[in-house]
C-alpha cells in the first residue's frame, strides 16, 4: 500500500496529506512531515531534517526506530558539562552558553552508540563508560542491544549488525559515543541550544 500511494502521488503530481501515528510510515513516504503532539505542531521539515535535527525531546524520541536515548547532565560552567555515570564523572568541554547548574538531557541515536569489548584509553572527543547487556532484539539485519549502566541509573539501546555481533547477554562492555553525535536539550525550555551534528557539519 505504501508503494501504491507513492506511485499514485508521483503520477498525479499534486499535494497529498496523509495522517498516521506510525513514524516509520511517515519517514518512508513523506517529502515533508509535520510532527504534532497534543494538538500542537512540534516540528516541520523533510524526514532527514527532522531525524538529524529534532526540535525537542518528543520529536527526538518519537522519530526513529528505535528512538533517541538520553543521558542526564549538569552544567558546571559555560564550557563544561558533567555526566554522572557509574559513580564517575565525564567532562564534556562543549560550550552551550547556559548558566551554571542548568540541567540538560543529552540525546544520542542508537546507531551512533558503539559497543567495545575493552576500554580504549587516551581517546579524545568521546564519552566512554561501562555497561551490561541486558537483552537483545533481532530486527532483520540489525540487533537492538538493550544496555544498562553498572549503577542501574541509565538504560539505553544500541544497534549492532547481526553478522558482526560479538556480544552476549549479561556481558560487561564499553559504550563509546562521539561528541559529534550528541544532541543537547535544555530541560527548562525543551529546546536544543546546540547539536553536535550541526557543529560537525559546519566544520566540514
N, C-alpha and C. Protein backbone atom coordinates (compact mmCIF):
# COMPACT_ATOMS: atom_id res chain seq x y z
N UNK A 1 0.82 -1.20 0.00
CA UNK A 1 0.00 0.00 0.00
C UNK A 1 0.87 1.26 0.00
N UNK A 2 1.98 1.22 0.75
CA UNK A 2 2.88 2.39 0.74
C UNK A 2 3.40 2.65 -0.67
N UNK A 3 3.85 1.59 -1.33
CA UNK A 3 4.39 1.74 -2.68
C UNK A 3 3.33 2.27 -3.64
N UNK A 4 2.08 1.78 -3.48
CA UNK A 4 1.00 2.21 -4.35
C UNK A 4 0.70 3.69 -4.17
N UNK A 5 0.70 4.16 -2.91
CA UNK A 5 0.43 5.57 -2.64
C UNK A 5 1.55 6.46 -3.16
N UNK A 6 2.80 6.02 -2.99
CA UNK A 6 3.94 6.79 -3.50
C UNK A 6 3.87 6.89 -5.02
N UNK A 7 3.52 5.77 -5.67
CA UNK A 7 3.40 5.74 -7.13
C UNK A 7 2.26 6.65 -7.59
N UNK A 8 1.12 6.61 -6.87
CA UNK A 8 -0.03 7.44 -7.21
C UNK A 8 0.30 8.92 -7.07
N UNK A 9 1.03 9.25 -6.02
CA UNK A 9 1.44 10.65 -5.79
C UNK A 9 2.32 11.15 -6.93
N UNK A 10 3.24 10.29 -7.38
CA UNK A 10 4.13 10.67 -8.48
C UNK A 10 3.35 10.85 -9.79
N UNK A 11 2.35 10.01 -9.98
CA UNK A 11 1.54 10.09 -11.19
C UNK A 11 0.69 11.37 -11.22
N UNK A 12 0.05 11.67 -10.11
CA UNK A 12 -0.86 12.81 -10.06
C UNK A 12 -0.13 14.14 -9.98
N UNK A 13 1.03 14.14 -9.34
CA UNK A 13 1.80 15.38 -9.21
C UNK A 13 1.09 16.46 -8.42
N UNK A 14 0.32 16.05 -7.42
CA UNK A 14 -0.43 17.01 -6.61
C UNK A 14 -0.11 16.81 -5.14
N UNK A 15 -0.50 17.77 -4.32
CA UNK A 15 -0.25 17.67 -2.88
C UNK A 15 -1.19 16.65 -2.25
N UNK A 16 -0.63 15.77 -1.44
CA UNK A 16 -1.42 14.78 -0.72
C UNK A 16 -1.08 14.87 0.76
N UNK A 17 -2.10 14.82 1.60
CA UNK A 17 -1.90 14.84 3.05
C UNK A 17 -2.26 13.47 3.59
N UNK A 18 -1.33 12.87 4.29
CA UNK A 18 -1.52 11.53 4.85
C UNK A 18 -1.31 11.62 6.37
N UNK A 19 -2.31 11.22 7.13
CA UNK A 19 -2.24 11.30 8.60
C UNK A 19 -1.95 9.90 9.14
N UNK A 20 -0.94 9.79 9.99
CA UNK A 20 -0.57 8.49 10.54
C UNK A 20 0.04 8.66 11.93
N UNK A 21 -0.10 7.63 12.75
CA UNK A 21 0.57 7.59 14.05
C UNK A 21 1.85 6.77 13.96
N UNK A 22 2.13 6.21 12.79
CA UNK A 22 3.30 5.35 12.59
C UNK A 22 4.43 6.17 11.99
N UNK A 23 5.45 6.44 12.78
CA UNK A 23 6.54 7.28 12.31
C UNK A 23 7.32 6.61 11.17
N UNK A 24 7.34 5.28 11.13
CA UNK A 24 8.03 4.58 10.05
C UNK A 24 7.33 4.84 8.72
N UNK A 25 6.00 4.82 8.73
CA UNK A 25 5.22 5.13 7.52
C UNK A 25 5.51 6.55 7.07
N UNK A 26 5.49 7.50 8.02
CA UNK A 26 5.74 8.90 7.67
C UNK A 26 7.13 9.09 7.10
N UNK A 27 8.14 8.49 7.71
CA UNK A 27 9.52 8.65 7.25
C UNK A 27 9.72 8.05 5.86
N UNK A 28 9.06 6.94 5.58
CA UNK A 28 9.29 6.24 4.31
C UNK A 28 8.48 6.79 3.15
N UNK A 29 7.39 7.54 3.44
CA UNK A 29 6.52 8.01 2.38
C UNK A 29 6.59 9.51 2.12
N UNK A 30 6.83 10.29 3.15
CA UNK A 30 6.63 11.74 3.04
C UNK A 30 7.82 12.46 2.42
N UNK A 31 7.49 13.56 1.74
CA UNK A 31 8.51 14.52 1.31
C UNK A 31 8.70 15.60 2.38
N UNK A 32 7.62 15.89 3.09
CA UNK A 32 7.66 16.81 4.24
C UNK A 32 6.77 16.25 5.34
N UNK A 33 7.20 16.44 6.58
CA UNK A 33 6.49 15.90 7.73
C UNK A 33 6.14 17.03 8.70
N UNK A 34 4.95 16.96 9.26
CA UNK A 34 4.57 17.81 10.39
C UNK A 34 4.36 16.88 11.58
N UNK A 35 5.17 17.01 12.61
CA UNK A 35 5.03 16.20 13.82
C UNK A 35 4.18 16.98 14.81
N UNK A 36 3.06 16.35 15.27
CA UNK A 36 2.15 17.01 16.20
C UNK A 36 2.05 16.22 17.49
N UNK A 37 1.82 16.95 18.58
CA UNK A 37 1.66 16.32 19.89
C UNK A 37 0.66 17.13 20.70
N UNK A 38 -0.41 16.48 21.12
CA UNK A 38 -1.48 17.14 21.89
C UNK A 38 -2.00 18.39 21.18
N UNK A 39 -2.20 18.26 19.88
CA UNK A 39 -2.79 19.33 19.09
C UNK A 39 -1.84 20.45 18.71
N UNK A 40 -0.56 20.33 19.05
CA UNK A 40 0.42 21.38 18.74
C UNK A 40 1.48 20.85 17.78
N UNK A 41 1.91 21.73 16.88
CA UNK A 41 2.97 21.38 15.93
C UNK A 41 4.31 21.40 16.66
N UNK A 42 4.98 20.27 16.68
CA UNK A 42 6.28 20.16 17.31
C UNK A 42 7.42 20.53 16.36
N UNK A 43 7.27 20.12 15.07
CA UNK A 43 8.32 20.39 14.10
C UNK A 43 7.81 20.14 12.70
N UNK A 44 8.32 20.92 11.74
CA UNK A 44 8.03 20.72 10.32
C UNK A 44 9.35 20.61 9.57
N UNK A 45 9.40 19.73 8.58
CA UNK A 45 10.61 19.61 7.78
C UNK A 45 10.62 18.32 6.98
N UNK A 46 11.68 18.11 6.24
CA UNK A 46 11.84 16.87 5.50
C UNK A 46 12.14 15.75 6.49
N UNK A 47 11.92 14.49 6.09
CA UNK A 47 12.22 13.39 7.01
C UNK A 47 13.65 13.41 7.53
N UNK A 48 14.62 13.68 6.67
CA UNK A 48 16.01 13.65 7.12
C UNK A 48 16.32 14.83 8.03
N UNK A 49 15.71 16.00 7.79
CA UNK A 49 15.92 17.16 8.66
C UNK A 49 15.40 16.87 10.07
N UNK A 50 14.21 16.30 10.13
CA UNK A 50 13.61 16.00 11.43
C UNK A 50 14.40 14.92 12.16
N UNK A 51 14.89 13.95 11.42
CA UNK A 51 15.65 12.87 12.03
C UNK A 51 17.01 13.35 12.56
N UNK A 52 17.70 14.16 11.78
CA UNK A 52 19.05 14.59 12.15
C UNK A 52 19.04 15.74 13.15
N UNK A 53 18.03 16.59 13.09
CA UNK A 53 17.99 17.77 13.96
C UNK A 53 16.62 17.94 14.59
N UNK A 54 16.22 17.03 15.50
CA UNK A 54 14.91 17.15 16.15
C UNK A 54 14.81 18.42 16.98
N UNK A 55 13.62 19.05 16.94
CA UNK A 55 13.44 20.34 17.62
C UNK A 55 13.31 20.20 19.12
N UNK A 56 12.88 19.04 19.62
CA UNK A 56 12.71 18.85 21.05
C UNK A 56 12.78 17.36 21.37
N UNK A 57 12.66 17.02 22.65
CA UNK A 57 12.83 15.65 23.09
C UNK A 57 11.70 14.74 22.59
N UNK A 58 10.49 15.28 22.47
CA UNK A 58 9.39 14.47 21.97
C UNK A 58 9.68 13.99 20.55
N UNK A 59 10.10 14.89 19.68
CA UNK A 59 10.41 14.53 18.30
C UNK A 59 11.60 13.57 18.26
N UNK A 60 12.62 13.84 19.07
CA UNK A 60 13.82 13.01 19.09
C UNK A 60 13.51 11.57 19.47
N UNK A 61 12.60 11.39 20.42
CA UNK A 61 12.27 10.04 20.89
C UNK A 61 11.24 9.37 20.00
N UNK A 62 10.33 10.16 19.40
CA UNK A 62 9.27 9.60 18.58
C UNK A 62 9.77 9.18 17.20
N UNK A 63 10.62 10.01 16.60
CA UNK A 63 11.13 9.72 15.25
C UNK A 63 12.39 8.86 15.36
N UNK A 64 12.36 7.74 14.66
CA UNK A 64 13.49 6.80 14.72
C UNK A 64 13.03 5.48 15.29
N UNK A 65 13.62 4.39 14.83
CA UNK A 65 13.24 3.06 15.29
C UNK A 65 14.50 2.22 15.53
N UNK A 66 14.95 2.16 16.81
CA UNK A 66 14.37 2.80 18.00
C UNK A 66 14.68 4.29 18.05
N UNK A 67 13.96 5.00 18.93
CA UNK A 67 14.14 6.43 19.05
C UNK A 67 15.42 6.80 19.79
N UNK A 68 15.66 8.09 19.87
CA UNK A 68 16.85 8.60 20.55
C UNK A 68 16.82 8.23 22.04
N UNK A 69 18.00 7.94 22.59
CA UNK A 69 18.13 7.67 24.02
C UNK A 69 18.82 8.86 24.68
N UNK A 70 18.66 9.00 26.00
CA UNK A 70 19.08 10.21 26.68
C UNK A 70 19.95 9.92 27.91
N UNK A 71 20.86 10.85 28.19
CA UNK A 71 21.67 10.84 29.39
C UNK A 71 21.48 12.18 30.09
N UNK A 72 21.42 12.16 31.42
CA UNK A 72 21.26 13.40 32.18
C UNK A 72 22.61 14.07 32.39
N UNK A 73 22.60 15.39 32.36
CA UNK A 73 23.82 16.13 32.58
C UNK A 73 23.59 17.41 33.35
N UNK A 74 24.64 17.97 33.93
CA UNK A 74 24.58 19.24 34.65
C UNK A 74 25.64 20.18 34.09
N UNK A 75 25.29 21.45 33.97
CA UNK A 75 26.25 22.45 33.52
C UNK A 75 27.10 22.88 34.71
N UNK A 76 28.40 22.64 34.65
CA UNK A 76 29.30 23.08 35.71
C UNK A 76 29.75 24.51 35.46
N UNK A 77 30.07 24.80 34.22
CA UNK A 77 30.34 26.16 33.76
C UNK A 77 30.07 26.19 32.27
N UNK A 78 30.22 27.36 31.65
CA UNK A 78 29.76 27.52 30.28
C UNK A 78 30.40 26.55 29.31
N UNK A 79 31.61 26.10 29.59
CA UNK A 79 32.30 25.21 28.65
C UNK A 79 32.52 23.82 29.23
N UNK A 80 31.69 23.42 30.19
CA UNK A 80 31.89 22.09 30.76
C UNK A 80 30.57 21.51 31.23
N UNK A 81 30.30 20.27 30.83
CA UNK A 81 29.11 19.53 31.25
C UNK A 81 29.58 18.32 32.04
N UNK A 82 28.86 17.99 33.11
CA UNK A 82 29.21 16.82 33.90
C UNK A 82 28.13 15.76 33.76
N UNK A 83 28.54 14.55 33.42
CA UNK A 83 27.64 13.40 33.41
C UNK A 83 28.03 12.49 34.56
N UNK A 84 27.06 12.11 35.37
CA UNK A 84 27.33 11.18 36.45
C UNK A 84 26.93 9.77 36.01
N UNK A 85 27.91 8.98 35.65
CA UNK A 85 27.67 7.63 35.14
C UNK A 85 28.56 6.66 35.89
N UNK A 86 27.94 5.63 36.46
CA UNK A 86 28.71 4.60 37.18
C UNK A 86 29.58 5.21 38.27
N UNK A 87 29.05 6.25 38.95
CA UNK A 87 29.75 6.92 40.05
C UNK A 87 31.06 7.56 39.60
N UNK A 88 31.19 7.81 38.31
CA UNK A 88 32.35 8.53 37.80
C UNK A 88 31.85 9.76 37.06
N UNK A 89 32.73 10.71 36.82
CA UNK A 89 32.35 11.95 36.17
C UNK A 89 32.98 12.02 34.79
N UNK A 90 32.14 12.31 33.79
CA UNK A 90 32.61 12.50 32.43
C UNK A 90 32.46 13.97 32.10
N UNK A 91 33.55 14.64 31.76
CA UNK A 91 33.52 16.06 31.41
C UNK A 91 33.40 16.22 29.90
N UNK A 92 32.45 17.03 29.47
CA UNK A 92 32.31 17.33 28.05
C UNK A 92 32.67 18.80 27.84
N UNK A 93 33.83 19.11 27.29
CA UNK A 93 34.23 20.50 27.09
C UNK A 93 33.56 21.12 25.87
N UNK A 94 32.24 21.33 25.96
CA UNK A 94 31.47 21.89 24.86
C UNK A 94 30.72 23.10 25.37
N UNK A 95 30.83 24.22 24.67
CA UNK A 95 30.21 25.46 25.11
C UNK A 95 28.75 25.49 24.71
N UNK A 96 27.84 25.49 25.69
CA UNK A 96 26.41 25.55 25.43
C UNK A 96 25.81 26.90 25.76
N UNK A 97 26.62 27.80 26.31
CA UNK A 97 26.14 29.14 26.68
C UNK A 97 24.94 29.07 27.62
N UNK A 98 24.99 28.16 28.58
CA UNK A 98 23.93 28.04 29.58
C UNK A 98 24.51 28.35 30.95
N UNK A 99 23.65 28.73 31.89
CA UNK A 99 24.09 29.09 33.22
C UNK A 99 24.52 27.86 34.01
N UNK A 100 25.44 28.08 34.94
CA UNK A 100 25.88 27.01 35.83
C UNK A 100 24.69 26.46 36.62
N UNK A 101 24.63 25.15 36.72
CA UNK A 101 23.55 24.50 37.45
C UNK A 101 22.39 24.07 36.59
N UNK A 102 22.33 24.56 35.34
CA UNK A 102 21.26 24.13 34.44
C UNK A 102 21.31 22.63 34.20
N UNK A 103 20.16 22.00 34.19
CA UNK A 103 20.10 20.57 33.91
C UNK A 103 19.71 20.37 32.45
N UNK A 104 20.40 19.45 31.81
CA UNK A 104 20.15 19.19 30.40
C UNK A 104 20.01 17.69 30.18
N UNK A 105 19.45 17.34 29.04
CA UNK A 105 19.43 15.98 28.57
C UNK A 105 20.33 15.90 27.33
N UNK A 106 21.12 14.87 27.28
CA UNK A 106 22.00 14.65 26.15
C UNK A 106 21.45 13.47 25.36
N UNK A 107 21.08 13.70 24.11
CA UNK A 107 20.50 12.67 23.28
C UNK A 107 21.50 12.09 22.31
N UNK A 108 21.32 10.80 22.00
CA UNK A 108 22.17 10.13 21.00
C UNK A 108 21.34 9.06 20.31
N UNK A 109 21.52 8.94 19.00
CA UNK A 109 20.84 7.90 18.25
C UNK A 109 21.48 6.54 18.53
N UNK A 110 20.68 5.48 18.68
CA UNK A 110 21.24 4.15 18.97
C UNK A 110 22.28 3.70 17.97
N UNK A 111 22.14 4.09 16.69
CA UNK A 111 23.13 3.69 15.69
C UNK A 111 24.46 4.41 15.85
N UNK A 112 24.49 5.48 16.67
CA UNK A 112 25.72 6.21 16.92
C UNK A 112 26.42 5.75 18.20
N UNK A 113 25.84 4.76 18.88
CA UNK A 113 26.47 4.18 20.07
C UNK A 113 27.30 2.97 19.65
N UNK A 114 28.58 3.03 19.91
CA UNK A 114 29.49 1.94 19.55
C UNK A 114 29.79 1.11 20.79
N UNK A 115 29.67 -0.20 20.69
CA UNK A 115 29.99 -1.10 21.79
C UNK A 115 31.36 -1.72 21.57
N UNK A 116 32.18 -1.75 22.63
CA UNK A 116 33.54 -2.27 22.54
C UNK A 116 33.77 -3.30 23.65
N UNK A 117 34.59 -4.29 23.35
CA UNK A 117 34.92 -5.32 24.34
C UNK A 117 35.82 -4.75 25.43
N UNK A 118 36.75 -3.89 25.05
CA UNK A 118 37.72 -3.33 26.00
C UNK A 118 37.67 -1.81 25.95
N UNK A 119 38.10 -1.19 27.03
CA UNK A 119 38.11 0.26 27.10
C UNK A 119 39.29 0.82 26.32
N UNK A 120 39.01 1.80 25.48
CA UNK A 120 40.06 2.46 24.72
C UNK A 120 40.60 3.63 25.53
N UNK A 121 41.87 3.60 25.82
CA UNK A 121 42.49 4.65 26.62
C UNK A 121 43.01 5.79 25.74
N UNK A 122 43.09 6.97 26.35
CA UNK A 122 43.68 8.15 25.71
C UNK A 122 43.00 8.48 24.38
N UNK A 123 41.67 8.41 24.36
CA UNK A 123 40.93 8.77 23.16
C UNK A 123 40.15 10.04 23.45
N UNK A 124 40.31 11.02 22.58
CA UNK A 124 39.69 12.33 22.79
C UNK A 124 38.34 12.42 22.06
N UNK A 125 37.52 13.34 22.56
CA UNK A 125 36.24 13.67 21.92
C UNK A 125 35.25 12.52 21.90
N UNK A 126 35.33 11.65 22.90
CA UNK A 126 34.37 10.55 23.04
C UNK A 126 33.96 10.41 24.50
N UNK A 127 32.68 10.05 24.70
CA UNK A 127 32.23 9.59 26.00
C UNK A 127 32.44 8.09 26.05
N UNK A 128 33.06 7.58 27.11
CA UNK A 128 33.28 6.15 27.25
C UNK A 128 32.90 5.73 28.67
N UNK A 129 32.02 4.74 28.78
CA UNK A 129 31.68 4.21 30.09
C UNK A 129 31.23 2.76 29.94
N UNK A 130 31.20 2.05 31.05
CA UNK A 130 30.91 0.61 31.02
C UNK A 130 29.42 0.34 31.25
N UNK A 131 28.91 -0.67 30.56
CA UNK A 131 27.51 -1.07 30.68
C UNK A 131 27.43 -2.59 30.69
N UNK A 132 26.23 -3.09 30.97
CA UNK A 132 25.97 -4.53 30.88
C UNK A 132 24.87 -4.73 29.84
N UNK A 133 25.00 -5.78 29.03
CA UNK A 133 23.99 -6.12 28.03
C UNK A 133 22.85 -6.87 28.73
N UNK A 134 21.64 -6.29 28.74
CA UNK A 134 20.51 -6.90 29.44
C UNK A 134 19.77 -7.89 28.55
N UNK A 135 19.43 -7.50 27.33
CA UNK A 135 18.84 -8.44 26.37
C UNK A 135 18.98 -7.87 24.97
N UNK A 136 18.67 -8.70 23.96
CA UNK A 136 18.86 -8.33 22.57
C UNK A 136 17.60 -8.64 21.77
N UNK A 137 17.31 -7.78 20.78
CA UNK A 137 16.18 -7.99 19.89
C UNK A 137 16.66 -7.97 18.44
N UNK A 138 16.42 -9.04 17.73
CA UNK A 138 16.78 -9.10 16.32
C UNK A 138 15.70 -8.42 15.49
N UNK A 139 16.07 -7.42 14.69
CA UNK A 139 15.12 -6.71 13.83
C UNK A 139 15.64 -6.73 12.39
N UNK A 140 15.77 -7.92 11.84
CA UNK A 140 16.29 -8.05 10.49
C UNK A 140 17.81 -8.08 10.49
N UNK A 141 18.43 -7.16 9.76
CA UNK A 141 19.89 -7.19 9.65
C UNK A 141 20.58 -6.57 10.85
N UNK A 142 19.81 -6.00 11.79
CA UNK A 142 20.39 -5.38 12.97
C UNK A 142 19.82 -5.99 14.25
N UNK A 143 20.58 -5.82 15.32
CA UNK A 143 20.15 -6.25 16.65
C UNK A 143 20.07 -5.02 17.54
N UNK A 144 18.93 -4.85 18.22
CA UNK A 144 18.81 -3.79 19.22
C UNK A 144 19.37 -4.33 20.53
N UNK A 145 20.46 -3.74 20.97
CA UNK A 145 21.11 -4.15 22.22
C UNK A 145 20.57 -3.27 23.35
N UNK A 146 19.88 -3.89 24.30
CA UNK A 146 19.39 -3.16 25.47
C UNK A 146 20.48 -3.19 26.54
N UNK A 147 20.98 -2.01 26.87
CA UNK A 147 22.13 -1.91 27.76
C UNK A 147 21.78 -1.07 28.98
N UNK A 148 22.55 -1.26 30.05
CA UNK A 148 22.29 -0.56 31.31
C UNK A 148 23.62 -0.26 32.00
N UNK A 149 23.72 0.93 32.58
CA UNK A 149 24.94 1.28 33.31
C UNK A 149 25.07 0.39 34.55
N UNK A 150 26.27 0.23 35.04
CA UNK A 150 26.52 -0.69 36.14
C UNK A 150 25.87 -0.23 37.44
N UNK A 151 25.57 1.07 37.55
CA UNK A 151 24.90 1.56 38.75
C UNK A 151 23.38 1.55 38.61
N UNK A 152 22.89 0.98 37.51
CA UNK A 152 21.45 0.83 37.24
C UNK A 152 20.71 2.16 37.12
N UNK A 153 21.43 3.26 36.88
CA UNK A 153 20.79 4.57 36.80
C UNK A 153 20.52 5.01 35.36
N UNK A 154 20.99 4.24 34.39
CA UNK A 154 20.80 4.62 32.99
C UNK A 154 20.54 3.38 32.16
N UNK A 155 19.55 3.48 31.28
CA UNK A 155 19.25 2.41 30.34
C UNK A 155 19.24 2.99 28.93
N UNK A 156 19.77 2.25 27.99
CA UNK A 156 19.82 2.73 26.62
C UNK A 156 19.75 1.59 25.63
N UNK A 157 19.87 1.96 24.36
CA UNK A 157 19.83 0.98 23.28
C UNK A 157 20.92 1.31 22.28
N UNK A 158 21.49 0.26 21.70
CA UNK A 158 22.48 0.42 20.65
C UNK A 158 22.12 -0.53 19.51
N UNK A 159 22.51 -0.18 18.29
CA UNK A 159 22.26 -1.03 17.14
C UNK A 159 23.55 -1.69 16.70
N UNK A 160 23.49 -3.01 16.48
CA UNK A 160 24.66 -3.78 16.06
C UNK A 160 24.26 -4.65 14.88
N UNK A 161 25.09 -4.69 13.85
CA UNK A 161 24.85 -5.58 12.73
C UNK A 161 24.91 -7.03 13.19
N UNK A 162 23.89 -7.82 12.86
CA UNK A 162 23.80 -9.18 13.41
C UNK A 162 24.96 -10.05 12.95
N UNK A 163 25.52 -9.79 11.77
CA UNK A 163 26.65 -10.59 11.29
C UNK A 163 27.93 -10.29 12.06
N UNK A 164 28.01 -9.07 12.61
CA UNK A 164 29.23 -8.65 13.31
C UNK A 164 29.07 -8.68 14.82
N UNK A 165 27.91 -9.14 15.30
CA UNK A 165 27.68 -9.14 16.74
C UNK A 165 28.60 -10.11 17.47
N UNK A 166 29.32 -9.58 18.47
CA UNK A 166 30.24 -10.41 19.27
C UNK A 166 29.87 -10.37 20.75
N UNK A 167 28.67 -9.88 21.06
CA UNK A 167 28.32 -9.65 22.45
C UNK A 167 27.27 -10.66 22.92
N UNK A 168 27.24 -10.87 24.24
CA UNK A 168 26.33 -11.83 24.83
C UNK A 168 25.52 -11.15 25.95
N UNK A 169 24.34 -11.69 26.23
CA UNK A 169 23.52 -11.19 27.33
C UNK A 169 24.27 -11.37 28.65
N UNK A 170 24.29 -10.34 29.47
CA UNK A 170 24.99 -10.38 30.75
C UNK A 170 26.44 -9.95 30.67
N UNK A 171 26.94 -9.72 29.47
CA UNK A 171 28.35 -9.33 29.30
C UNK A 171 28.55 -7.85 29.63
N UNK A 172 29.68 -7.54 30.27
CA UNK A 172 30.06 -6.16 30.53
C UNK A 172 30.88 -5.65 29.35
N UNK A 173 30.41 -4.55 28.76
CA UNK A 173 31.08 -3.98 27.59
C UNK A 173 31.21 -2.47 27.79
N UNK A 174 31.91 -1.82 26.88
CA UNK A 174 32.10 -0.37 26.96
C UNK A 174 31.32 0.33 25.85
N UNK A 175 30.68 1.43 26.23
CA UNK A 175 29.99 2.31 25.30
C UNK A 175 30.95 3.41 24.87
N UNK A 176 30.97 3.69 23.56
CA UNK A 176 31.78 4.80 23.04
C UNK A 176 30.88 5.67 22.17
N UNK A 177 30.79 6.97 22.52
CA UNK A 177 29.93 7.90 21.80
C UNK A 177 30.75 9.14 21.43
N UNK A 178 30.75 9.47 20.15
CA UNK A 178 31.47 10.66 19.70
C UNK A 178 30.73 11.93 20.10
N UNK A 179 31.48 12.96 20.50
CA UNK A 179 30.87 14.26 20.80
C UNK A 179 30.07 14.78 19.61
N UNK A 180 30.52 14.47 18.39
CA UNK A 180 29.85 14.97 17.18
C UNK A 180 28.46 14.40 17.00
N UNK A 181 28.14 13.30 17.68
CA UNK A 181 26.84 12.66 17.53
C UNK A 181 25.87 13.00 18.66
N UNK A 182 26.22 13.98 19.49
CA UNK A 182 25.39 14.34 20.63
C UNK A 182 24.41 15.46 20.29
N UNK A 183 23.25 15.41 20.92
CA UNK A 183 22.24 16.46 20.84
C UNK A 183 21.94 16.90 22.27
N UNK A 184 21.82 18.21 22.48
CA UNK A 184 21.63 18.73 23.83
C UNK A 184 20.28 19.43 23.96
N UNK A 185 19.54 19.07 25.00
CA UNK A 185 18.21 19.62 25.24
C UNK A 185 18.20 20.31 26.60
N UNK A 186 17.84 21.58 26.62
CA UNK A 186 17.69 22.34 27.85
C UNK A 186 16.37 21.93 28.50
N UNK A 187 16.41 21.35 29.70
CA UNK A 187 15.19 20.86 30.34
C UNK A 187 14.25 21.99 30.74
N UNK A 188 14.75 23.22 30.81
CA UNK A 188 13.88 24.36 31.15
C UNK A 188 13.00 24.77 29.98
N UNK A 189 13.51 24.59 28.76
CA UNK A 189 12.77 25.04 27.58
C UNK A 189 12.46 23.91 26.61
N UNK A 190 13.10 22.74 26.80
CA UNK A 190 12.98 21.59 25.90
C UNK A 190 13.50 21.92 24.51
N UNK A 191 14.31 22.98 24.41
CA UNK A 191 14.89 23.34 23.12
C UNK A 191 16.32 22.83 23.04
N UNK A 192 16.87 22.84 21.85
CA UNK A 192 18.25 22.42 21.66
C UNK A 192 19.14 23.65 21.54
N UNK A 193 19.97 23.94 22.56
CA UNK A 193 20.88 25.07 22.45
C UNK A 193 22.04 24.78 21.51
N UNK A 194 22.33 23.51 21.31
CA UNK A 194 23.47 23.13 20.47
C UNK A 194 23.34 21.67 20.10
N UNK A 195 23.70 21.33 18.87
CA UNK A 195 23.70 19.94 18.43
C UNK A 195 25.07 19.59 17.90
N UNK A 196 25.63 18.48 18.35
CA UNK A 196 26.93 18.06 17.89
C UNK A 196 26.97 17.85 16.39
N UNK A 197 25.86 17.34 15.81
CA UNK A 197 25.79 17.14 14.37
C UNK A 197 25.93 18.45 13.61
N UNK A 198 25.31 19.52 14.14
CA UNK A 198 25.40 20.81 13.47
C UNK A 198 26.83 21.32 13.49
N UNK A 199 27.50 21.13 14.62
CA UNK A 199 28.88 21.60 14.73
C UNK A 199 29.76 20.87 13.73
N UNK A 200 29.59 19.55 13.61
CA UNK A 200 30.41 18.78 12.69
C UNK A 200 30.16 19.22 11.26
N UNK A 201 28.88 19.48 10.92
CA UNK A 201 28.54 19.89 9.57
C UNK A 201 29.20 21.21 9.22
N UNK A 202 29.21 22.16 10.17
CA UNK A 202 29.80 23.46 9.93
C UNK A 202 31.31 23.38 9.77
N UNK A 203 31.93 22.38 10.38
CA UNK A 203 33.38 22.27 10.32
C UNK A 203 33.85 21.52 9.09
N UNK A 204 32.93 20.82 8.39
CA UNK A 204 33.31 20.04 7.22
C UNK A 204 33.66 20.97 6.06
